[in-house]
Amino acid sequence: MNITVTSMKPDDWEVVRLIYREGIDTGNATFETETPDWEEWNRSHLQECRFVARSDRQVVGWVALSPVSSRCIYAGVAEVSIYVRSSARGQGVGKALMLALIEESERVGIWTLQGGVFPENAASIALLKSCGFREVGFRERVGQMNGVWRDVLLLERRSKSVGV
């Protein structure tokens, strides 16, 4: 698969939203049950570090960052959201997106990327670890999903060039 990573544009939203919906439907990607509208999604994510992956000009994945806190001391810490279209999984899309995200996040001064992942989501855990993330915590029964308590692994990647 020939993958090109570019900045996400508002015009990409409808496909990004569909890919997000696919992730929600797996039951192992997020606690979210509905996709937000563009305005809500746009408000909740950093303006920097938003990328889409394209194959044959079709969006096949996306990645973006959310702030973990409004306190200024956490300005360099952000949470990763990454989703790959089901038909493109296992073909390097996630890795291409993560590498672009890491490079850009360091360029804009982010020193810690973090992710909360359901332990059942082996592909996401493997992707994050392959990009330098390490497990830093385990949150047992942190939230319910469809009446079932879910655990969450906490992973983080510390920059070796920003915030050192």
Protein backbone atom coordinates (compact mmCIF):
# COMPACT_ATOMS: atom_id res chain seq x y z
CA MET A 1 0.00 0.00 0.00
CA ASN A 2 1.35 3.41 -0.99
CA ILE A 3 0.64 5.71 1.99
CA THR A 4 0.84 9.49 2.04
CA VAL A 5 0.40 11.40 5.31
CA THR A 6 -0.91 14.97 5.13
CA SER A 7 -2.42 17.50 7.49
CA MET A 8 -6.08 16.91 8.22
CA LYS A 9 -8.42 19.47 6.69
CA PRO A 10 -12.05 20.20 7.62
CA ASP A 11 -13.02 18.69 4.24
CA ASP A 12 -11.64 15.35 5.48
CA TRP A 13 -14.09 15.27 8.38
CA GLU A 14 -16.83 13.07 6.90
CA VAL A 15 -14.38 10.27 6.05
CA VAL A 16 -12.54 10.76 9.36
CA ARG A 17 -15.88 10.45 11.11
CA LEU A 18 -16.71 7.22 9.26
CA ILE A 19 -13.34 5.72 10.23
CA TYR A 20 -13.94 6.81 13.84
CA ARG A 21 -17.35 5.10 13.69
CA GLU A 22 -15.68 1.88 12.52
CA GLY A 23 -13.39 2.06 15.55
CA ILE A 24 -16.31 2.67 17.91
CA ASP A 25 -18.13 -0.30 16.41
CA THR A 26 -15.26 -2.67 17.30
CA GLY A 27 -16.05 -2.15 20.99
CA ASN A 28 -12.32 -2.08 21.78
CA ALA A 29 -11.20 1.35 20.59
CA THR A 30 -12.90 3.86 22.88
CA PHE A 31 -15.52 4.36 25.55
CA GLU A 32 -17.30 6.70 23.13
CA THR A 33 -20.51 5.36 21.62
CA GLU A 34 -21.26 8.14 19.14
CA THR A 35 -19.17 10.26 16.81
CA PRO A 36 -19.31 13.97 17.52
CA ASP A 37 -20.04 16.63 14.93
CA TRP A 38 -17.13 18.58 13.44
CA GLU A 39 -17.47 21.55 15.78
CA GLU A 40 -17.33 19.40 18.93
CA TRP A 41 -14.45 17.29 17.63
CA ASN A 42 -12.54 20.37 16.48
CA ARG A 43 -12.90 22.03 19.92
CA SER A 44 -11.69 18.96 21.80
CA HIS A 45 -8.50 18.39 19.78
CA LEU A 46 -5.33 20.43 19.45
CA GLN A 47 -5.12 22.48 16.27
CA GLU A 48 -1.64 21.08 15.59
CA CYS A 49 -0.77 17.46 14.96
CA ARG A 50 -3.83 16.38 13.00
CA PHE A 51 -3.02 14.04 10.15
CA VAL A 52 -4.74 11.77 7.69
CA ALA A 53 -3.20 8.87 5.77
CA ARG A 54 -4.19 8.44 2.16
CA SER A 55 -3.86 5.53 -0.20
CA ASP A 56 -4.81 6.23 -3.80
CA ARG A 57 -6.11 9.62 -2.60
CA GLN A 58 -8.60 7.92 -0.25
CA VAL A 59 -8.38 8.67 3.48
CA VAL A 60 -7.59 5.37 5.23
CA GLY A 61 -6.67 6.60 8.71
CA TRP A 62 -6.25 9.56 10.98
CA VAL A 63 -4.45 10.68 14.12
CA ALA A 64 -4.92 13.71 16.37
CA LEU A 65 -4.05 14.95 19.84
CA SER A 66 -6.19 16.14 22.73
CA PRO A 67 -4.93 18.15 25.67
CA VAL A 68 -4.82 16.18 28.93
CA SER A 69 -5.39 19.27 31.08
CA SER A 70 -6.08 22.98 30.78
CA ARG A 71 -3.34 23.72 33.35
CA CYS A 72 -0.33 25.37 31.71
CA ILE A 73 2.14 22.94 33.30
CA TYR A 74 0.65 20.16 31.16
CA ALA A 75 0.91 22.11 27.90
CA GLY A 76 3.49 19.62 26.62
CA VAL A 77 1.41 16.52 27.38
CA ALA A 78 -1.22 15.28 24.93
CA GLU A 79 -3.38 12.21 24.41
CA VAL A 80 -3.25 10.34 21.12
CA SER A 81 -6.29 9.25 19.12
CA ILE A 82 -5.52 7.07 16.13
CA TYR A 83 -7.93 5.17 13.90
CA VAL A 84 -7.36 3.14 10.74
CA ARG A 85 -10.04 2.05 8.28
CA SER A 86 -10.77 -1.65 8.76
CA SER A 87 -9.79 -2.48 5.17
CA ALA A 88 -6.37 -0.84 5.65
CA ARG A 89 -5.36 -2.31 9.01
CA GLY A 90 -2.09 -4.21 9.21
CA GLN A 91 -0.63 -2.40 6.19
CA GLY A 92 1.53 0.26 7.85
CA VAL A 93 -1.05 3.04 7.98
CA GLY A 94 -0.96 3.38 11.77
CA LYS A 95 2.85 3.41 11.85
CA ALA A 96 3.04 6.10 9.15
CA LEU A 97 0.54 8.25 11.06
CA MET A 98 2.33 7.77 14.41
CA LEU A 99 5.75 8.66 12.99
CA ALA A 100 4.35 11.86 11.46
CA LEU A 101 2.59 12.66 14.74
CA ILE A 102 5.71 12.13 16.84
CA GLU A 103 7.83 14.35 14.58
CA GLU A 104 5.26 17.16 14.51
CA SER A 105 4.44 16.92 18.23
CA GLU A 106 8.10 17.43 19.11
CA ARG A 107 8.35 20.32 16.64
CA VAL A 108 5.49 22.10 18.47
CA GLY A 109 6.95 21.44 21.94
CA ILE A 110 5.07 18.39 23.19
CA TRP A 111 7.24 16.24 25.45
CA THR A 112 4.83 13.47 26.40
CA LEU A 113 2.35 11.57 24.28
CA GLN A 114 -0.01 9.30 26.15
CA GLY A 115 -2.65 6.78 25.28
CA GLY A 116 -5.28 4.84 27.15
CA VAL A 117 -5.93 1.48 25.48
CA PHE A 118 -8.24 -1.40 26.30
CA PRO A 119 -6.02 -4.45 27.02
CA GLU A 120 -7.97 -6.38 24.35
CA ASN A 121 -6.77 -3.96 21.65
CA ALA A 122 -3.53 -5.83 20.92
CA ALA A 123 -2.94 -4.07 17.59
CA SER A 124 -2.99 -0.59 19.17
CA ILE A 125 -0.74 -1.69 22.01
CA ALA A 126 1.75 -3.21 19.54
CA LEU A 127 1.68 -0.06 17.38
CA LEU A 128 2.33 2.25 20.32
CA LYS A 129 5.14 0.08 21.68
CA SER A 130 6.76 -0.08 18.23
CA CYS A 131 6.82 3.74 18.28
CA GLY A 132 8.58 4.03 21.63
CA PHE A 133 5.62 4.02 24.02
CA ARG A 134 5.89 2.07 27.26
CA GLU A 135 3.27 0.87 29.72
CA VAL A 136 3.14 3.15 32.75
CA GLY A 137 -0.08 2.06 34.39
CA PHE A 138 -3.13 -0.11 34.54
CA ARG A 139 -6.54 1.26 35.46
CA GLU A 140 -8.74 -1.57 36.66
CA ARG A 141 -12.48 -1.32 36.04
CA VAL A 142 -12.14 2.38 35.25
CA GLY A 143 -15.41 2.66 33.34
CA GLN A 144 -18.44 0.76 32.14
CA MET A 145 -19.27 0.04 28.55
CA ASN A 146 -22.60 -1.59 27.79
CA GLY A 147 -22.87 -2.57 31.45
CA VAL A 148 -19.44 -4.22 31.52
CA TRP A 149 -16.53 -2.82 33.52
CA ARG A 150 -13.45 -2.17 31.35
CA ASP A 151 -9.78 -1.91 32.21
CA VAL A 152 -7.43 0.53 30.50
CA LEU A 153 -3.67 0.31 29.98
CA LEU A 154 -1.85 3.63 30.16
CA LEU A 155 1.06 4.06 27.76
CA GLU A 156 3.33 7.03 27.22
CA ARG A 157 6.16 8.17 25.03
CA ARG A 158 8.60 10.73 26.40
CA SER A 159 10.48 12.83 23.87
CA LYS A 160 14.24 12.52 23.90
CA SER A 161 14.61 16.07 22.54
CA VAL A 162 11.76 18.15 24.04
CA GLY A 163 11.37 18.73 27.77
CA VAL A 164 14.66 17.04 28.65
